[in-house]
Protein backbone atom coordinates (compact mmCIF):
# COMPACT_ATOMS: atom_id res chain seq x y z
CA UNK A 1 -0.40 13.54 29.82
CA UNK A 2 -1.84 10.97 27.74
CA UNK A 3 0.29 7.75 27.75
CA UNK A 4 -0.07 7.41 24.06
CA UNK A 5 0.42 3.59 24.74
CA UNK A 6 -2.73 3.82 26.24
CA UNK A 7 -5.56 2.84 24.40
CA UNK A 8 -8.01 3.27 26.98
CA UNK A 9 -7.06 6.38 28.13
CA UNK A 10 -6.99 7.64 24.51
CA UNK A 11 -11.14 6.29 23.16
CA UNK A 12 -11.58 8.45 26.91
CA UNK A 13 -9.58 11.59 25.54
CA UNK A 14 -11.06 11.42 22.26
CA UNK A 15 -14.21 10.90 23.91
CA UNK A 16 -13.64 14.13 25.57
CA UNK A 17 -12.11 16.00 22.92
CA UNK A 18 -13.13 14.62 19.41
CA UNK A 19 -10.90 18.19 18.30
CA UNK A 20 -7.18 16.27 19.79
CA UNK A 21 -4.31 16.51 17.06
CA UNK A 22 -3.57 13.26 18.86
CA UNK A 23 -6.32 11.14 17.13
CA UNK A 24 -4.38 9.47 14.59
CA UNK A 25 -2.72 7.61 17.45
CA UNK A 26 -5.75 5.66 18.27
CA UNK A 27 -6.87 5.34 15.06
CA UNK A 28 -3.42 3.73 14.27
CA UNK A 29 -4.28 1.46 17.35
CA UNK A 30 -7.15 0.45 16.23
CA UNK A 31 -6.04 -0.57 12.26
CA UNK A 32 -3.14 -2.61 13.88
CA UNK A 33 -6.41 -4.04 15.47
CA UNK A 34 -7.67 -4.53 12.76
CA UNK A 35 -10.47 -2.93 13.11
CA UNK A 36 -11.04 -1.74 10.86
CA UNK A 37 -14.54 0.27 11.00
CA UNK A 38 -13.32 1.61 14.15
CA UNK A 39 -9.92 2.84 12.37
CA UNK A 40 -12.47 5.29 9.82
CA UNK A 41 -14.53 6.68 12.29
CA UNK A 42 -11.76 7.93 14.44
CA UNK A 43 -9.91 9.47 10.83
CA UNK A 44 -13.25 10.56 9.96
CA UNK A 45 -14.44 12.35 13.02
CA UNK A 46 -10.56 13.70 13.28
CA UNK A 47 -9.80 15.39 10.10
CA UNK A 48 -13.32 17.08 10.07
CA UNK A 49 -11.64 19.03 12.77
CA UNK A 50 -7.60 18.96 11.57
CA UNK A 51 -8.23 18.17 7.33
CA UNK A 52 -4.68 18.88 6.80
CA UNK A 53 -3.21 15.94 8.92
CA UNK A 54 -0.91 14.14 7.15
CA UNK A 55 -1.36 11.06 9.77
CA UNK A 56 -4.58 11.16 9.84
CA UNK A 57 -4.95 11.43 5.61
CA UNK A 58 -2.17 8.42 5.33
CA UNK A 59 -4.20 6.08 8.30
CA UNK A 60 -7.12 6.33 6.83
CA UNK A 61 -5.23 5.38 3.06
CA UNK A 62 -4.42 2.25 5.04
CA UNK A 63 -7.98 1.85 5.50
CA UNK A 64 -9.06 2.22 1.90
CA UNK A 65 -6.72 -0.64 0.77
CA UNK A 66 -7.55 -2.92 3.19
CA UNK A 67 -10.96 -2.61 2.45
CA UNK A 68 -9.87 -2.66 -1.47
CA UNK A 69 -10.48 1.01 -2.52
CA UNK A 70 -7.75 1.28 -4.43
CA UNK A 71 -8.63 4.29 -6.05
CA UNK A 72 -9.71 6.00 -2.63
CA UNK A 73 -6.12 4.64 -1.11
CA UNK A 74 -4.10 7.01 -3.92
CA UNK A 75 -6.63 10.15 -3.68
CA UNK A 76 -5.35 10.25 0.04
CA UNK A 77 -2.17 9.30 -0.32
CA UNK A 78 -1.82 12.30 -3.11
CA UNK A 79 -3.57 14.34 -0.49
CA UNK A 80 -1.35 13.31 2.27
CA UNK A 81 2.42 14.32 0.04
CA UNK A 82 0.72 17.59 -1.28
CA UNK A 83 0.00 18.42 2.65
CA UNK A 84 3.63 16.70 4.12
CA UNK A 85 6.17 16.15 1.27
CA UNK A 86 8.98 14.39 3.17
CA UNK A 87 6.20 12.31 3.79
CA UNK A 88 8.27 8.98 2.91
CA UNK A 89 6.28 6.63 3.82
CA UNK A 90 3.45 7.73 1.89
CA UNK A 91 5.57 7.99 -0.73
CA UNK A 92 6.43 4.65 -0.54
CA UNK A 93 2.97 3.04 0.08
CA UNK A 94 1.55 5.55 -3.13
CA UNK A 95 4.60 3.83 -5.44
CA UNK A 96 3.11 0.27 -4.39
CA UNK A 97 -1.00 1.59 -4.68
CA UNK A 98 -0.54 3.49 -8.20
CA UNK A 99 1.79 0.25 -8.77
CA UNK A 100 -1.49 -2.31 -8.42
CA UNK A 101 -3.47 0.37 -10.71
CA UNK A 102 -1.22 -0.20 -13.79
CA UNK A 103 -0.15 4.29 -13.90
CA UNK A 104 1.68 4.80 -16.81
CA UNK A 105 6.25 4.30 -15.46
CA UNK A 106 5.62 8.21 -15.88
CA UNK A 107 3.33 8.45 -13.38
CA UNK A 108 4.38 6.24 -10.91
CA UNK A 109 8.20 7.90 -11.59
CA UNK A 110 7.28 11.28 -10.84
CA UNK A 111 6.04 10.07 -7.15
CA UNK A 112 9.41 7.91 -7.05
CA UNK A 113 11.90 11.28 -7.74
CA UNK A 114 9.79 12.53 -4.81
CA UNK A 115 11.31 9.89 -2.63
CA UNK A 116 14.79 10.50 -3.93
CA UNK A 117 14.71 14.83 -3.58
CA UNK A 118 13.95 13.49 0.29
CA UNK A 119 16.02 10.65 0.20
CA UNK A 120 19.34 11.53 -2.59
CA UNK A 121 20.33 7.85 -1.74
CA UNK A 122 18.06 6.32 -1.89
CA UNK A 123 18.90 2.60 -4.05
CA UNK A 124 15.37 0.70 -4.12
CA UNK A 125 14.31 4.76 -5.94
CA UNK A 126 17.47 4.84 -7.58
CA UNK A 127 17.42 1.41 -9.30
CA UNK A 128 13.70 2.17 -10.33
CA UNK A 129 14.80 5.10 -12.06
CA UNK A 130 17.38 3.12 -13.77
CA UNK A 131 15.48 0.71 -14.70
CA UNK A 132 12.50 2.37 -16.07
CA UNK A 133 15.26 5.63 -17.78
CA UNK A 134 14.05 4.33 -21.40
CA UNK A 135 9.83 4.36 -20.75
CA UNK A 136 10.23 7.95 -18.19
CA UNK A 137 11.68 9.17 -21.95
CA UNK A 138 8.68 8.07 -23.98
CA UNK A 139 5.92 9.56 -24.25
CA UNK A 140 3.50 8.63 -21.78
CA UNK A 141 0.65 5.73 -22.01
CA UNK A 142 -1.12 4.00 -19.42
CA UNK A 143 -0.20 0.31 -18.72
CA UNK A 144 -3.02 -1.74 -20.01
CA UNK A 145 -4.93 -3.23 -17.30
CA UNK A 146 -7.18 -6.41 -17.72
CA UNK A 147 -4.52 -9.32 -19.14
CA UNK A 148 -5.36 -12.39 -18.43
CA UNK A 149 -3.60 -14.31 -15.65
CA UNK A 150 -0.49 -15.36 -15.88
CA UNK A 151 0.80 -18.49 -14.61
CA UNK A 152 3.76 -18.69 -11.43
CA UNK A 153 5.97 -20.60 -14.06
CA UNK A 154 5.40 -17.22 -16.34
CA UNK A 155 6.41 -14.92 -13.61
CA UNK A 156 10.45 -14.95 -13.58
CA UNK A 157 9.98 -14.44 -17.29
CA UNK A 158 8.43 -11.30 -17.73
CA UNK A 159 8.63 -7.58 -16.52
CA UNK A 160 5.18 -7.16 -15.41
CA UNK A 161 2.42 -9.05 -14.20
CA UNK A 162 -1.43 -9.12 -14.54
CA UNK A 163 -3.27 -11.04 -12.05
CA UNK A 164 -6.94 -11.41 -11.87
CA UNK A 165 -9.07 -9.09 -9.33
CA UNK A 166 -11.94 -11.82 -8.62
CA UNK A 167 -14.27 -9.59 -10.52
CA UNK A 168 -13.10 -10.11 -14.02
CA UNK A 169 -10.92 -7.26 -14.30
CA UNK A 170 -6.98 -7.14 -13.80
CA UNK A 171 -4.37 -5.93 -11.64
CA UNK A 172 -0.60 -4.80 -12.82
CA UNK A 173 1.93 -5.61 -10.93
CA UNK A 174 5.62 -4.21 -12.27
CA UNK A 175 8.51 -6.73 -11.31
CA UNK A 176 10.16 -4.01 -9.99
CA UNK A 177 8.60 -2.71 -7.58
CA UNK A 178 6.89 -5.72 -5.98
CA UNK A 179 7.17 -5.64 -2.10
CA UNK A 180 6.65 -7.57 0.88
CA UNK A 181 4.81 -4.86 1.93
CA UNK A 182 2.54 -4.76 -1.58
CA UNK A 183 2.25 -8.49 -0.64
CA UNK A 184 1.14 -7.71 2.88
CA UNK A 185 -1.67 -5.54 1.27
CA UNK A 186 -2.97 -8.08 -0.89
CA UNK A 187 -3.31 -10.08 1.55
CA UNK A 188 -5.11 -7.98 3.75
CA UNK A 189 -7.76 -7.69 1.39
CA UNK A 190 -8.28 -11.14 1.14
CA UNK A 191 -6.84 -11.13 -2.97
CA UNK A 192 -4.49 -14.36 -1.75
CA UNK A 193 -3.99 -15.34 -5.35
CA UNK A 194 -2.47 -11.94 -6.02
CA UNK A 195 -0.56 -11.62 -2.96
CA UNK A 196 1.65 -15.50 -4.15
CA UNK A 197 2.02 -14.03 -7.01
CA UNK A 198 4.02 -10.74 -5.44
CA UNK A 199 6.05 -13.12 -2.87
CA UNK A 200 7.21 -14.90 -6.07
CA UNK A 201 8.41 -11.93 -7.59
CA UNK A 202 10.02 -10.68 -4.31
CA UNK A 203 11.41 -14.43 -3.87
CA UNK A 204 12.77 -14.22 -7.33
CA UNK A 205 14.60 -10.71 -7.30
CA UNK A 206 16.42 -12.22 -3.98
CA UNK A 207 14.41 -10.88 -0.81
CA UNK A 208 14.52 -12.17 2.71
CA UNK A 209 13.21 -15.64 2.38
CA UNK A 210 12.85 -15.75 6.17
CA UNK A 211 10.27 -12.90 5.80
CA UNK A 212 8.29 -14.32 2.81
CA UNK A 213 8.48 -17.69 3.70
CA UNK A 214 6.39 -16.68 7.21
CA UNK A 215 4.15 -14.36 4.66
CA UNK A 216 3.05 -17.66 2.58
CA UNK A 217 2.37 -19.59 5.68
CA UNK A 218 -0.74 -16.78 6.83
CA UNK A 219 -1.73 -16.66 3.47
CA UNK A 220 -1.85 -20.33 3.13
CA UNK A 221 -3.47 -20.36 6.80
CA UNK A 222 -5.97 -18.05 5.86
CA UNK A 223 -6.55 -20.09 2.57
CA UNK A 224 -7.70 -22.86 4.94
CA UNK A 225 -9.57 -21.01 6.59
CA UNK A 226 -11.60 -19.75 4.12
CA UNK A 227 -12.51 -22.71 3.26
CA UNK A 228 -13.95 -24.25 6.16
CA UNK A 229 -15.71 -22.04 6.39
């Protein structure tokens, strides 16, 4: 019996058995330790033997997010949901990725409704549907991308915020779907300005002040470290 908490034991087992179905456990350990290269390699090898592994694809999608490849993360999350339609964590992350990519309200709504199909009383999803019911009833229109970066003072008054991606483009952030998780995704991508704007939105929505401040402190620390180097 393998101790799934023992990294060395898992590494040894994986080295001896590339076809092991527990490869997502090792990949997730690497992911949590910030070793994206090994996390991806384990996922790639494991998925070669178990292409329908929902957990393997889910971890690979998280690696894509950290490596700032949102379109690929979206693709992998869609595959997770396709093969495991009760994977709520994948659905929640997919909502955030689709929001960051500026997908249409109807596209995001389709994902939100899948969460409600599983968790009929999910408050966050039900609030999102209620607040977007008018737009959901309209012909589908893609949310625009590439708007100029707003000032932090304008965040409170806007439903959607578009922030620069640092490459001349922009990412639309829907105030109603901004979460601490999305802020952490931006932080891991080193998109610190986006992360701070998301935190402002979460705070304005009445989010957990202590968690928000802790995340802000971490971001400011990383910014200082970046400036030093």
